[in-house]
Protein backbone atom coordinates (compact mmCIF):
# COMPACT_ATOMS: atom_id res chain seq x y z
CA MET A 1 110.84 107.01 84.61
CA SER A 2 112.68 110.33 84.75
CA PHE A 3 113.49 112.02 88.05
CA GLY A 4 111.12 114.83 87.06
CA VAL A 5 108.29 112.31 87.04
CA VAL A 6 109.66 110.73 90.22
CA ARG A 7 109.45 114.11 91.94
CA ALA A 8 105.83 114.37 90.83
CA VAL A 9 105.17 110.92 92.28
CA LEU A 10 106.84 111.95 95.53
CA THR A 11 104.68 115.05 95.72
CA LEU A 12 101.66 112.80 95.66
CA LEU A 13 103.21 110.17 97.93
CA CYS A 14 104.13 112.75 100.54
CA ALA A 15 101.07 114.91 100.04
CA GLY A 16 101.48 116.73 103.30
CA SER A 17 104.07 117.74 105.80
CA PHE A 18 104.34 119.35 109.18
CA ALA A 19 104.12 122.72 107.45
CA ILE A 20 100.82 121.79 105.79
CA PHE A 21 99.23 120.08 108.73
CA ALA A 22 100.60 122.12 111.61
CA ASP A 23 97.48 124.21 112.21
CA ALA A 24 94.89 122.73 114.53
CA THR A 25 91.56 122.25 112.81
CA ASP A 26 88.24 122.59 114.57
CA VAL A 27 86.39 119.39 113.72
CA ARG A 28 83.07 119.74 115.50
CA ALA A 29 81.65 116.23 115.18
CA GLN A 30 83.51 113.30 116.69
CA THR A 31 85.05 111.53 113.71
CA ALA A 32 85.96 107.88 114.32
CA VAL A 33 89.55 107.06 113.38
CA LYS A 34 91.13 103.61 113.48
CA PHE A 35 94.86 104.08 113.92
CA SER A 36 97.53 101.39 113.57
CA LEU A 37 100.88 101.58 115.30
CA ALA A 38 104.08 100.47 113.53
CA GLY A 39 104.78 97.80 116.14
CA LYS A 40 103.79 96.76 119.62
CA VAL A 41 102.68 99.04 122.44
CA ASP A 42 106.00 100.11 123.94
CA GLY A 43 107.96 103.25 124.71
CA ALA A 44 108.19 104.28 121.07
CA ALA A 45 104.39 104.44 120.90
CA ALA A 46 104.11 106.70 123.96
CA PRO A 47 103.43 109.99 122.08
CA PHE A 48 100.28 108.55 120.52
CA LEU A 49 99.04 107.18 123.84
CA LEU A 50 99.74 110.55 125.44
CA ALA A 51 97.65 112.29 122.76
CA LEU A 52 94.81 109.95 123.68
CA ASP A 53 95.16 110.37 127.45
CA ARG A 54 95.49 114.15 127.38
CA GLY A 55 92.42 114.50 125.22
CA TYR A 56 94.26 116.00 122.25
CA PHE A 57 92.43 113.79 119.78
CA LYS A 58 89.09 114.53 121.42
CA ARG A 59 89.86 118.25 121.41
CA GLU A 60 90.34 118.00 117.66
CA GLY A 61 87.00 116.25 117.27
CA LEU A 62 88.40 112.74 116.82
CA ASP A 63 87.43 109.44 118.41
CA VAL A 64 90.66 107.49 117.96
CA THR A 65 91.31 103.81 118.64
CA ILE A 66 94.93 102.61 118.65
CA ASP A 67 96.04 99.07 117.82
CA PRO A 68 99.49 97.41 117.65
CA VAL A 69 100.86 95.22 114.84
CA ALA A 70 103.10 92.18 114.69
CA THR A 71 105.03 92.82 111.45
CA GLY A 72 106.56 95.80 109.68
CA LEU A 73 104.34 95.58 106.59
CA GLU A 74 101.07 95.20 108.48
CA PRO A 75 100.31 98.94 108.88
CA ILE A 76 100.36 99.31 105.09
CA THR A 77 98.25 96.23 104.42
CA ARG A 78 95.74 97.45 106.97
CA LEU A 79 95.38 100.71 105.04
CA ALA A 80 95.29 98.92 101.69
CA GLY A 81 92.55 96.64 102.99
CA GLU A 82 90.65 99.70 104.31
CA THR A 83 90.33 98.20 107.78
CA TYR A 84 92.25 101.18 109.24
CA ASP A 85 92.18 104.86 108.40
CA ILE A 86 95.60 106.11 109.51
CA ALA A 87 98.75 104.21 110.38
CA LEU A 88 102.31 104.71 111.52
CA GLY A 89 104.55 102.64 109.30
CA ASP A 90 107.93 102.32 107.68
CA PHE A 91 108.23 104.97 104.99
CA ASN A 92 110.53 102.89 102.80
CA ALA A 93 108.14 99.96 102.92
CA LEU A 94 105.49 102.35 101.59
CA VAL A 95 107.77 103.38 98.72
CA ARG A 96 108.25 99.72 97.79
CA TRP A 97 104.53 99.04 98.18
CA ARG A 98 103.56 101.99 95.98
CA ASP A 99 106.10 100.91 93.38
CA GLN A 100 104.57 97.45 93.19
CA ASN A 101 100.95 98.55 93.77
CA PRO A 102 100.61 101.91 91.97
CA ALA A 103 96.83 101.74 92.00
CA THR A 104 96.76 101.73 95.82
CA ALA A 105 97.50 105.40 96.47
CA ILE A 106 98.31 105.28 100.19
CA LYS A 107 99.92 108.60 101.12
CA ALA A 108 102.46 109.55 103.74
CA VAL A 109 101.48 112.85 105.37
CA PHE A 110 104.02 113.28 108.18
CA ILE A 111 107.57 111.99 108.61
CA LEU A 112 107.94 111.15 112.30
CA GLN A 113 111.42 109.62 112.13
CA ASN A 114 113.69 111.85 110.09
CA ARG A 115 116.43 109.22 110.41
CA GLY A 116 115.63 105.55 110.12
CA GLY A 117 116.72 103.59 113.18
CA TYR A 118 118.05 100.62 111.22
CA VAL A 119 121.02 98.92 112.87
CA VAL A 120 123.13 95.80 112.88
CA VAL A 121 123.84 94.78 116.47
CA SER A 122 126.61 92.38 117.41
CA ARG A 123 128.57 91.27 120.46
CA ARG A 124 132.20 92.25 120.80
CA SER A 125 132.89 88.94 122.54
CA ARG A 126 131.75 87.14 119.38
CA GLY A 127 134.48 88.88 117.39
CA VAL A 128 132.12 91.12 115.42
CA ALA A 129 132.80 94.82 115.85
CA LYS A 130 132.67 96.28 112.31
CA PRO A 131 130.90 95.54 109.01
CA LYS A 132 133.78 93.48 107.58
CA ASP A 133 133.53 91.11 110.55
CA LEU A 134 130.01 90.20 109.44
CA GLU A 135 131.36 88.20 106.52
CA GLU A 136 132.18 85.24 108.74
CA ALA A 137 129.22 85.69 111.10
CA LYS A 138 125.84 84.12 111.75
CA ILE A 139 123.39 86.97 111.23
CA VAL A 140 119.71 86.96 112.15
CA VAL A 141 117.61 88.93 109.65
CA SER A 142 113.97 88.66 110.72
CA GLN A 143 111.89 89.37 107.63
CA ALA A 144 108.97 90.56 109.77
CA ASP A 145 111.09 93.51 110.96
CA ALA A 146 111.15 96.71 108.88
CA ALA A 147 114.94 96.81 109.17
CA ALA A 148 115.31 93.57 107.21
CA ALA A 149 114.48 95.32 103.94
CA GLN A 150 117.34 97.76 104.54
CA TRP A 151 119.92 95.01 105.13
CA PRO A 152 120.63 94.47 101.39
CA ILE A 153 121.24 98.22 101.00
CA PHE A 154 123.68 98.16 103.93
CA VAL A 155 125.46 95.22 102.30
CA LYS A 156 125.82 97.19 99.04
CA LEU A 157 127.00 100.37 100.76
CA THR A 158 129.64 98.61 102.90
CA GLY A 159 130.83 96.12 100.28
CA ILE A 160 130.30 93.12 102.56
CA ASP A 161 130.65 89.74 100.83
CA VAL A 162 127.40 88.45 102.26
CA ASP A 163 127.88 85.04 100.59
CA LYS A 164 130.50 84.28 103.24
CA ALA A 165 128.01 84.87 106.06
CA THR A 166 125.26 82.63 107.37
CA ILE A 167 121.89 84.40 107.23
CA LEU A 168 119.21 83.14 109.62
CA ASN A 169 115.57 84.15 109.18
CA THR A 170 113.84 83.72 112.53
CA GLY A 171 110.90 85.31 114.27
CA ILE A 172 111.46 88.60 116.07
CA PRO A 173 110.75 87.15 119.57
CA VAL A 174 113.73 84.75 119.36
CA ARG A 175 116.15 87.17 117.67
CA GLU A 176 117.71 88.80 120.74
CA PRO A 177 117.66 85.58 122.79
CA MET A 178 119.72 83.90 120.05
CA LEU A 179 122.33 86.67 120.17
CA ALA A 180 122.32 86.71 123.96
CA ALA A 181 122.81 82.93 124.06
CA GLY A 182 125.62 82.94 121.49
CA GLU A 183 123.55 81.13 118.85
CA ALA A 184 124.06 84.10 116.53
CA ASP A 185 126.81 86.69 116.12
CA ALA A 186 124.72 89.65 114.98
CA VAL A 187 121.13 90.67 114.34
CA VAL A 188 119.44 93.28 112.17
CA GLY A 189 116.83 95.47 113.84
CA LEU A 190 116.01 98.92 115.20
CA ASN A 191 118.18 101.12 117.40
CA TYR A 192 115.46 101.53 120.03
CA GLY A 193 114.75 97.80 120.11
CA VAL A 194 117.64 95.35 119.90
CA PRO A 195 120.29 97.03 122.12
CA LEU A 196 117.84 97.68 124.94
CA ASN A 197 116.39 94.18 124.72
CA LEU A 198 119.88 92.70 124.93
CA ARG A 199 120.77 94.72 128.02
CA ASP A 200 117.46 93.70 129.55
CA LYS A 201 118.52 90.07 129.02
CA GLY A 202 121.76 90.61 130.90
CA VAL A 203 124.21 91.23 128.06
CA PRO A 204 126.82 93.76 129.31
CA ALA A 205 126.57 97.16 127.65
CA ASP A 206 130.28 97.17 126.76
CA ASP A 207 129.82 93.88 124.86
CA ILE A 208 127.12 95.33 122.59
CA VAL A 209 128.22 96.85 119.27
CA VAL A 210 125.65 98.97 117.43
CA MET A 211 126.36 99.63 113.75
CA ARG A 212 123.92 102.33 112.69
CA MET A 213 123.24 101.96 108.98
CA SER A 214 122.96 105.74 108.70
CA ASP A 215 126.63 105.99 109.73
CA TYR A 216 127.53 103.98 106.62
CA GLY A 217 125.65 106.11 104.12
CA LEU A 218 122.04 105.00 104.49
CA ALA A 219 119.92 108.10 103.82
CA LEU A 220 116.51 106.56 104.49
CA TYR A 221 113.75 108.06 106.58
CA GLY A 222 112.03 105.91 109.22
CA ASP A 223 108.40 105.76 110.34
CA ALA A 224 105.80 108.06 108.85
CA ILE A 225 102.10 108.66 109.39
CA MET A 226 100.15 107.29 106.43
CA VAL A 227 96.52 107.57 105.36
CA ARG A 228 94.29 105.39 103.22
CA PRO A 229 93.24 107.24 100.05
CA LYS A 230 89.47 107.24 100.55
CA PHE A 231 89.73 108.57 104.11
CA LEU A 232 92.07 111.34 103.00
CA ALA A 233 89.79 112.30 100.12
CA GLU A 234 86.59 112.27 102.15
CA LYS A 235 87.87 113.58 105.50
CA PRO A 236 90.94 115.76 104.91
CA GLU A 237 90.07 117.93 107.91
CA ALA A 238 90.16 114.87 110.15
CA VAL A 239 93.65 114.07 108.88
CA LYS A 240 94.77 117.62 109.64
CA ALA A 241 93.23 117.31 113.09
CA PHE A 242 95.01 114.02 113.71
CA ILE A 243 98.39 115.56 112.84
CA ALA A 244 97.64 118.56 115.05
CA ALA A 245 96.87 116.30 118.02
CA VAL A 246 99.97 114.15 117.47
CA SER A 247 102.13 117.27 117.08
CA ALA A 248 100.89 118.60 120.42
CA ALA A 249 101.59 115.28 122.14
CA LEU A 250 105.00 114.97 120.49
CA LYS A 251 105.94 118.40 121.80
CA ASP A 252 104.90 117.32 125.31
CA THR A 253 106.82 114.07 124.95
CA ILE A 254 110.02 115.83 123.92
CA GLN A 255 109.73 118.18 126.89
CA ASP A 256 109.02 115.41 129.42
CA PRO A 257 109.51 111.84 128.13
CA ALA A 258 108.89 110.34 131.58
CA LYS A 259 105.35 111.71 131.62
CA ALA A 260 104.70 110.09 128.25
CA ILE A 261 105.81 106.73 129.64
CA GLU A 262 103.10 107.07 132.28
CA ALA A 263 100.55 106.80 129.47
CA LEU A 264 102.13 103.45 128.59
CA ALA A 265 102.30 102.28 132.21
CA GLN A 266 98.58 102.93 132.67
CA ARG A 267 97.94 100.28 130.02
CA ASN A 268 100.55 97.80 131.23
CA SER A 269 101.66 98.06 134.84
CA SER A 270 104.21 95.26 134.37
CA ILE A 271 106.45 97.19 131.97
CA ASN A 272 109.99 98.08 132.94
CA ARG A 273 109.62 101.85 133.01
CA ASP A 274 113.36 102.50 132.89
CA VAL A 275 113.78 100.35 129.77
CA GLU A 276 110.78 101.90 128.04
CA LEU A 277 111.95 105.40 128.90
CA GLN A 278 115.34 104.56 127.40
CA ARG A 279 113.57 103.21 124.31
CA LEU A 280 111.59 106.42 123.90
CA ASN A 281 114.65 108.62 124.47
CA VAL A 282 116.72 106.73 121.88
CA MET A 283 113.94 107.04 119.33
CA LEU A 284 113.53 110.75 119.97
CA LYS A 285 117.21 111.70 120.12
CA GLU A 286 118.53 109.54 117.28
CA ASN A 287 115.57 109.31 114.91
CA VAL A 288 113.30 112.32 115.46
CA LEU A 289 115.46 115.20 116.67
CA THR A 290 118.11 115.25 113.94
CA GLU A 291 120.14 118.08 112.44
CA GLN A 292 117.64 118.23 109.59
CA THR A 293 114.61 118.57 111.84
CA ALA A 294 116.44 121.25 113.83
CA ALA A 295 116.73 123.23 110.60
CA ASN A 296 113.44 122.39 108.88
CA GLY A 297 111.05 121.18 111.58
CA ILE A 298 109.61 117.75 112.34
CA GLY A 299 107.51 116.16 109.62
CA ALA A 300 109.09 117.75 106.56
CA ILE A 301 110.86 115.96 103.72
CA ASP A 302 113.88 117.05 101.68
CA ALA A 303 113.50 116.49 97.92
CA ALA A 304 117.20 115.92 97.20
CA ARG A 305 117.52 113.46 100.06
CA PHE A 306 114.38 111.72 98.90
CA GLU A 307 115.83 111.13 95.46
CA LYS A 308 118.86 109.57 97.17
CA THR A 309 116.46 107.44 99.21
CA LEU A 310 114.88 106.16 96.01
CA GLU A 311 118.27 105.38 94.54
CA GLN A 312 119.30 103.43 97.64
CA ILE A 313 116.06 101.47 97.82
CA GLY A 314 116.63 100.63 94.17
CA LEU A 315 120.15 99.22 94.79
CA PRO A 316 118.99 95.67 95.64
CA LEU A 317 115.55 96.01 94.04
CA ARG A 318 115.09 97.95 90.84
CA LEU A 319 112.12 100.23 91.34
CA LYS A 320 109.67 100.56 88.49
CA MET A 321 109.39 104.28 89.17
CA LEU A 322 113.10 104.86 88.49
């Protein structure tokens, strides 16, 4: 498929942006919306909880329920199965899904994370401080994590001889404990997850090495708000209203992250507020508030960068659309 056709596909895939959906829409009747998070209920989810608690969804005429997920692909399968209306999910996973399931026209309408938070995290004391050191390492790549799909791209971009490494596929809950206990030398995950979880388990901060894949040429976006096709076709005003409510809450969150964490604490009083505030701040500063969003606004997508994204996703897995 030519890049001209690819651009047409992307126009449909990203049929919306902050510019399109920025205006608040007056939806008079309360429209029920089932919304899926991209992961568990933690600091990164705080803006959506804040929108609920401050009545922004209700103000827009929406009755929103919010549910967590256990795996990175689950938000997309929830939309594909029509059990949820809107979801936050990994944008690159959606590209791969659409490539393999072209008849399921799930659309991304708002890029929340302008920079994907995909990282490889190691311990300096294990002798792993740069990509080349990974060749002799034991690396945990949990397939349930969205970052796992980006690992082969990172390998291609850095020229690592991955055949020399030992790749371990374990569940996400045991990933950080394995690294903390010295049973692994590095793990693949998200920048607002793994490093904080390691410090919370007592690993000294100066022993933690974070290799951001974006620093090695990865151009991928991160999480985006997605909508199931039928809901978007039948209730476009509700989708606009949802984005308006989230945009208002995101603005509040950026101005005062600690207040947003209160929305999380109200649901789980046992959370470590300091850790979750750090998690939210990392996500905002490294993934949301980038140089590109400073220039173009949050939610937008750059066509040239998107073509590079497609090329990179196609490095380990040839996309049908290319």
